[in-house]
Amino acid sequence: MTVKLKKTTCQFFTLNRQPFSPQLVYNGMPVQQSDVSIYLGCALDNKLKWTKHAELVVSKARKRLSILKRLTGVKWGCNRDTLNTTYKTYIQPIIIKKIYHPKSDP
C-alpha cells in the first residue's frame, strides 16, 4: 500500500480542553492534522460532537430545497401531491439517512 501524504490527514479525538497536537511523521515527512474530517459521509470533529455533521446535512438539504421553491410558482406552481413526492424522494432521504443512520452512506 502506498500512502499519499497530500491526501492523508490525522485527527486526534479528545475531550480535554487543552490542545493536543503531537506531530506525526511518516517516512520523514510530517502528516497534516485536521480538526474535522469526513468519513463515510459523517463529519467527525475532534471533540466528537455532531454539530459539524448536522451543519453538513442542513446545508445539503437547503441546496435541494431550492428545487421546491422553483416548483411552487404563484401563477403556475405544481400541485401539492407533486411537491410532496418531490420532497419525499429528493430531500427527506438526506435528512433521515444522515441523522438517524449516519454510518450507512453509499
N, C-alpha and C. Protein backbone atom coordinates (compact mmCIF):
# COMPACT_ATOMS: atom_id res chain seq x y z
N MET A 1 0.84 -1.17 0.00
CA MET A 1 0.00 0.00 0.00
C MET A 1 0.89 1.24 0.00
N THR A 2 0.57 2.17 -0.86
CA THR A 2 1.33 3.42 -0.88
C THR A 2 0.50 4.51 -0.21
N VAL A 3 1.15 5.30 0.58
CA VAL A 3 0.49 6.39 1.30
C VAL A 3 0.83 7.69 0.60
N LYS A 4 -0.22 8.44 0.23
CA LYS A 4 -0.02 9.74 -0.38
C LYS A 4 -0.23 10.80 0.69
N LEU A 5 0.84 11.45 1.10
CA LEU A 5 0.77 12.40 2.21
C LEU A 5 -0.03 13.64 1.85
N LYS A 6 -0.20 13.95 0.57
CA LYS A 6 -1.02 15.11 0.20
C LYS A 6 -2.49 14.87 0.50
N LYS A 7 -2.91 13.61 0.47
CA LYS A 7 -4.30 13.26 0.73
C LYS A 7 -4.53 12.73 2.15
N THR A 8 -3.47 12.49 2.90
CA THR A 8 -3.57 11.87 4.21
C THR A 8 -3.59 12.93 5.30
N THR A 9 -4.52 12.79 6.23
CA THR A 9 -4.57 13.65 7.40
C THR A 9 -4.73 12.78 8.64
N CYS A 10 -4.35 13.33 9.77
CA CYS A 10 -4.57 12.63 11.04
C CYS A 10 -5.46 13.50 11.92
N GLN A 11 -6.16 12.84 12.81
CA GLN A 11 -7.07 13.55 13.70
C GLN A 11 -7.02 12.87 15.06
N PHE A 12 -6.97 13.67 16.11
CA PHE A 12 -6.93 13.16 17.47
C PHE A 12 -8.25 13.49 18.15
N PHE A 13 -8.89 12.49 18.73
CA PHE A 13 -10.15 12.66 19.43
C PHE A 13 -9.87 12.75 20.92
N THR A 14 -10.32 13.84 21.54
CA THR A 14 -10.11 14.03 22.96
C THR A 14 -11.19 14.96 23.51
N LEU A 15 -11.50 14.79 24.77
CA LEU A 15 -12.44 15.67 25.45
C LEU A 15 -11.73 16.69 26.33
N ASN A 16 -10.41 16.65 26.34
CA ASN A 16 -9.65 17.63 27.13
C ASN A 16 -9.79 19.02 26.53
N ARG A 17 -9.75 20.00 27.38
CA ARG A 17 -9.83 21.39 26.91
C ARG A 17 -8.48 21.90 26.43
N GLN A 18 -7.44 21.28 26.89
CA GLN A 18 -6.10 21.69 26.46
C GLN A 18 -5.83 21.12 25.08
N PRO A 19 -5.23 21.89 24.21
CA PRO A 19 -4.95 21.38 22.87
C PRO A 19 -3.97 20.22 22.90
N PHE A 20 -4.26 19.23 22.08
CA PHE A 20 -3.43 18.04 21.99
C PHE A 20 -3.01 17.89 20.53
N SER A 21 -1.76 18.17 20.24
CA SER A 21 -1.33 18.11 18.85
C SER A 21 0.10 17.62 18.70
N PRO A 22 0.32 16.33 18.92
CA PRO A 22 1.66 15.81 18.65
C PRO A 22 1.89 15.75 17.14
N GLN A 23 3.11 15.80 16.74
CA GLN A 23 3.45 15.80 15.32
C GLN A 23 3.72 14.36 14.86
N LEU A 24 2.92 13.87 13.93
CA LEU A 24 3.15 12.54 13.37
C LEU A 24 4.02 12.67 12.13
N VAL A 25 4.93 11.72 11.96
CA VAL A 25 5.85 11.72 10.83
C VAL A 25 5.78 10.37 10.14
N TYR A 26 5.70 10.38 8.81
CA TYR A 26 5.70 9.16 8.02
C TYR A 26 6.79 9.28 6.97
N ASN A 27 7.75 8.39 7.01
CA ASN A 27 8.90 8.43 6.10
C ASN A 27 9.61 9.78 6.10
N GLY A 28 9.74 10.36 7.27
CA GLY A 28 10.44 11.63 7.40
C GLY A 28 9.63 12.85 7.02
N MET A 29 8.38 12.67 6.60
CA MET A 29 7.51 13.80 6.23
C MET A 29 6.41 13.94 7.26
N PRO A 30 6.08 15.17 7.68
CA PRO A 30 5.01 15.36 8.66
C PRO A 30 3.64 15.09 8.04
N VAL A 31 2.76 14.51 8.84
CA VAL A 31 1.39 14.23 8.42
C VAL A 31 0.52 15.41 8.83
N GLN A 32 -0.29 15.90 7.90
CA GLN A 32 -1.16 17.04 8.15
C GLN A 32 -2.24 16.67 9.16
N GLN A 33 -2.52 17.60 10.11
CA GLN A 33 -3.55 17.37 11.12
C GLN A 33 -4.83 18.10 10.73
N SER A 34 -5.95 17.53 11.16
CA SER A 34 -7.25 18.10 10.84
C SER A 34 -8.13 18.09 12.09
N ASP A 35 -8.94 19.13 12.26
CA ASP A 35 -9.89 19.17 13.38
C ASP A 35 -11.21 18.50 13.02
N VAL A 36 -11.57 18.54 11.74
CA VAL A 36 -12.81 17.93 11.26
C VAL A 36 -12.48 17.10 10.02
N SER A 37 -12.98 15.88 10.00
CA SER A 37 -12.80 15.05 8.81
C SER A 37 -14.12 14.39 8.47
N ILE A 38 -14.28 14.07 7.21
CA ILE A 38 -15.49 13.42 6.75
C ILE A 38 -15.14 11.97 6.46
N TYR A 39 -15.82 11.06 7.13
CA TYR A 39 -15.58 9.63 6.99
C TYR A 39 -16.92 8.95 6.72
N LEU A 40 -17.05 8.33 5.56
CA LEU A 40 -18.28 7.68 5.15
C LEU A 40 -19.49 8.61 5.23
N GLY A 41 -19.29 9.86 4.88
CA GLY A 41 -20.38 10.82 4.86
C GLY A 41 -20.68 11.48 6.20
N CYS A 42 -19.96 11.11 7.24
CA CYS A 42 -20.17 11.70 8.56
C CYS A 42 -19.04 12.68 8.86
N ALA A 43 -19.39 13.85 9.31
CA ALA A 43 -18.39 14.84 9.70
C ALA A 43 -18.04 14.60 11.17
N LEU A 44 -16.79 14.24 11.41
CA LEU A 44 -16.32 13.97 12.77
C LEU A 44 -15.37 15.08 13.20
N ASP A 45 -15.66 15.70 14.33
CA ASP A 45 -14.73 16.70 14.85
C ASP A 45 -13.96 16.10 16.02
N ASN A 46 -12.91 16.80 16.45
CA ASN A 46 -12.02 16.22 17.45
C ASN A 46 -12.63 16.14 18.84
N LYS A 47 -13.77 16.77 19.08
CA LYS A 47 -14.47 16.66 20.37
C LYS A 47 -15.62 15.66 20.31
N LEU A 48 -15.80 15.01 19.16
CA LEU A 48 -16.86 14.03 18.94
C LEU A 48 -18.25 14.62 19.18
N LYS A 49 -18.44 15.84 18.73
CA LYS A 49 -19.77 16.46 18.75
C LYS A 49 -20.37 16.31 17.36
N TRP A 50 -21.67 16.37 17.26
CA TRP A 50 -22.34 16.17 15.98
C TRP A 50 -22.74 17.49 15.33
N THR A 51 -22.25 18.61 15.82
CA THR A 51 -22.66 19.90 15.26
C THR A 51 -22.19 20.07 13.82
N LYS A 52 -20.97 19.70 13.51
CA LYS A 52 -20.46 19.82 12.13
C LYS A 52 -21.24 18.92 11.19
N HIS A 53 -21.58 17.72 11.66
CA HIS A 53 -22.34 16.80 10.83
C HIS A 53 -23.75 17.36 10.58
N ALA A 54 -24.37 17.90 11.61
CA ALA A 54 -25.70 18.48 11.44
C ALA A 54 -25.65 19.66 10.48
N GLU A 55 -24.61 20.49 10.57
CA GLU A 55 -24.46 21.61 9.64
C GLU A 55 -24.31 21.12 8.20
N LEU A 56 -23.59 20.03 8.02
CA LEU A 56 -23.41 19.45 6.69
C LEU A 56 -24.74 18.96 6.12
N VAL A 57 -25.54 18.28 6.93
CA VAL A 57 -26.84 17.78 6.49
C VAL A 57 -27.77 18.94 6.16
N VAL A 58 -27.79 19.96 7.00
CA VAL A 58 -28.66 21.11 6.76
C VAL A 58 -28.26 21.83 5.48
N SER A 59 -26.97 21.98 5.23
CA SER A 59 -26.56 22.68 4.01
C SER A 59 -26.94 21.88 2.77
N LYS A 60 -26.83 20.55 2.81
CA LYS A 60 -27.24 19.74 1.66
C LYS A 60 -28.75 19.83 1.44
N ALA A 61 -29.52 19.79 2.53
CA ALA A 61 -30.97 19.88 2.40
C ALA A 61 -31.40 21.25 1.89
N ARG A 62 -30.75 22.31 2.34
CA ARG A 62 -31.10 23.66 1.86
C ARG A 62 -30.84 23.83 0.38
N LYS A 63 -29.76 23.23 -0.11
CA LYS A 63 -29.48 23.31 -1.54
C LYS A 63 -30.58 22.64 -2.35
N ARG A 64 -31.09 21.54 -1.84
CA ARG A 64 -32.15 20.83 -2.56
C ARG A 64 -33.52 21.48 -2.38
N LEU A 65 -33.70 22.26 -1.34
CA LEU A 65 -34.97 22.95 -1.15
C LEU A 65 -35.22 23.99 -2.23
N SER A 66 -34.17 24.45 -2.89
CA SER A 66 -34.36 25.43 -3.95
C SER A 66 -35.19 24.85 -5.09
N ILE A 67 -35.15 23.53 -5.27
CA ILE A 67 -35.98 22.91 -6.30
C ILE A 67 -37.45 23.07 -5.95
N LEU A 68 -37.80 22.88 -4.68
CA LEU A 68 -39.19 23.07 -4.28
C LEU A 68 -39.63 24.52 -4.46
N LYS A 69 -38.72 25.44 -4.20
CA LYS A 69 -39.06 26.85 -4.38
C LYS A 69 -39.36 27.15 -5.85
N ARG A 70 -38.61 26.53 -6.73
CA ARG A 70 -38.83 26.74 -8.16
C ARG A 70 -40.13 26.09 -8.63
N LEU A 71 -40.52 24.98 -8.00
CA LEU A 71 -41.74 24.28 -8.41
C LEU A 71 -43.01 24.93 -7.88
N THR A 72 -42.88 25.83 -6.92
CA THR A 72 -44.07 26.46 -6.33
C THR A 72 -44.25 27.87 -6.85
N GLY A 73 -44.50 28.00 -8.13
CA GLY A 73 -44.77 29.32 -8.71
C GLY A 73 -46.15 29.81 -8.30
N VAL A 74 -46.32 31.11 -8.19
CA VAL A 74 -47.60 31.67 -7.75
C VAL A 74 -48.68 31.46 -8.81
N LYS A 75 -48.35 31.67 -10.07
CA LYS A 75 -49.35 31.56 -11.14
C LYS A 75 -49.40 30.18 -11.78
N TRP A 76 -48.33 29.44 -11.73
CA TRP A 76 -48.29 28.17 -12.46
C TRP A 76 -47.83 26.99 -11.62
N GLY A 77 -47.62 27.13 -10.34
CA GLY A 77 -46.96 26.12 -9.50
C GLY A 77 -47.56 24.74 -9.57
N CYS A 78 -46.77 23.75 -9.19
CA CYS A 78 -47.20 22.35 -9.18
C CYS A 78 -48.21 22.12 -8.06
N ASN A 79 -48.97 21.03 -8.21
CA ASN A 79 -49.95 20.74 -7.16
C ASN A 79 -49.24 20.15 -5.93
N ARG A 80 -49.98 20.03 -4.86
CA ARG A 80 -49.42 19.59 -3.59
C ARG A 80 -48.86 18.18 -3.65
N ASP A 81 -49.52 17.28 -4.38
CA ASP A 81 -49.02 15.91 -4.48
C ASP A 81 -47.64 15.86 -5.13
N THR A 82 -47.43 16.64 -6.16
CA THR A 82 -46.13 16.68 -6.82
C THR A 82 -45.06 17.23 -5.88
N LEU A 83 -45.40 18.27 -5.13
CA LEU A 83 -44.45 18.84 -4.18
C LEU A 83 -44.11 17.85 -3.07
N ASN A 84 -45.12 17.14 -2.56
CA ASN A 84 -44.88 16.13 -1.52
C ASN A 84 -44.00 15.01 -2.04
N THR A 85 -44.27 14.55 -3.24
CA THR A 85 -43.47 13.48 -3.83
C THR A 85 -42.03 13.93 -4.04
N THR A 86 -41.85 15.15 -4.53
CA THR A 86 -40.50 15.69 -4.74
C THR A 86 -39.76 15.77 -3.41
N TYR A 87 -40.43 16.26 -2.38
CA TYR A 87 -39.78 16.35 -1.06
C TYR A 87 -39.41 14.98 -0.54
N LYS A 88 -40.34 14.03 -0.61
CA LYS A 88 -40.11 12.70 -0.03
C LYS A 88 -39.05 11.90 -0.78
N THR A 89 -38.86 12.17 -2.07
CA THR A 89 -37.88 11.40 -2.83
C THR A 89 -36.53 12.09 -2.95
N TYR A 90 -36.49 13.40 -2.80
CA TYR A 90 -35.25 14.12 -3.08
C TYR A 90 -34.62 14.77 -1.85
N ILE A 91 -35.41 15.18 -0.88
CA ILE A 91 -34.88 15.92 0.28
C ILE A 91 -34.94 15.07 1.56
N GLN A 92 -36.07 14.47 1.83
CA GLN A 92 -36.24 13.71 3.06
C GLN A 92 -35.23 12.57 3.23
N PRO A 93 -34.85 11.84 2.18
CA PRO A 93 -33.85 10.78 2.39
C PRO A 93 -32.51 11.28 2.92
N ILE A 94 -32.10 12.48 2.54
CA ILE A 94 -30.85 13.04 3.06
C ILE A 94 -30.97 13.26 4.56
N ILE A 95 -32.07 13.83 4.98
CA ILE A 95 -32.26 14.16 6.39
C ILE A 95 -32.36 12.88 7.23
N ILE A 96 -33.18 11.95 6.80
CA ILE A 96 -33.39 10.72 7.57
C ILE A 96 -32.14 9.86 7.57
N LYS A 97 -31.51 9.69 6.44
CA LYS A 97 -30.34 8.84 6.33
C LYS A 97 -29.16 9.39 7.12
N LYS A 98 -28.93 10.69 7.03
CA LYS A 98 -27.76 11.28 7.68
C LYS A 98 -27.97 11.49 9.17
N ILE A 99 -29.18 11.73 9.61
CA ILE A 99 -29.41 11.97 11.03
C ILE A 99 -29.58 10.65 11.80
N TYR A 100 -30.39 9.75 11.28
CA TYR A 100 -30.70 8.54 12.02
C TYR A 100 -29.75 7.39 11.73
N HIS A 101 -29.14 7.38 10.55
CA HIS A 101 -28.23 6.31 10.17
C HIS A 101 -26.95 6.92 9.59
N PRO A 102 -26.15 7.61 10.41
CA PRO A 102 -25.01 8.32 9.85
C PRO A 102 -23.93 7.44 9.23
N LYS A 103 -23.88 6.15 9.57
CA LYS A 103 -22.84 5.29 9.02
C LYS A 103 -23.24 4.62 7.74
N SER A 104 -24.50 4.70 7.33
CA SER A 104 -24.94 4.00 6.13
C SER A 104 -24.92 4.92 4.92
N ASP A 105 -23.74 5.24 4.45
CA ASP A 105 -23.57 6.10 3.28
C ASP A 105 -22.96 5.28 2.17
N PRO A 106 -23.57 5.32 0.95
CA PRO A 106 -23.00 4.51 -0.14
C PRO A 106 -21.66 5.02 -0.59
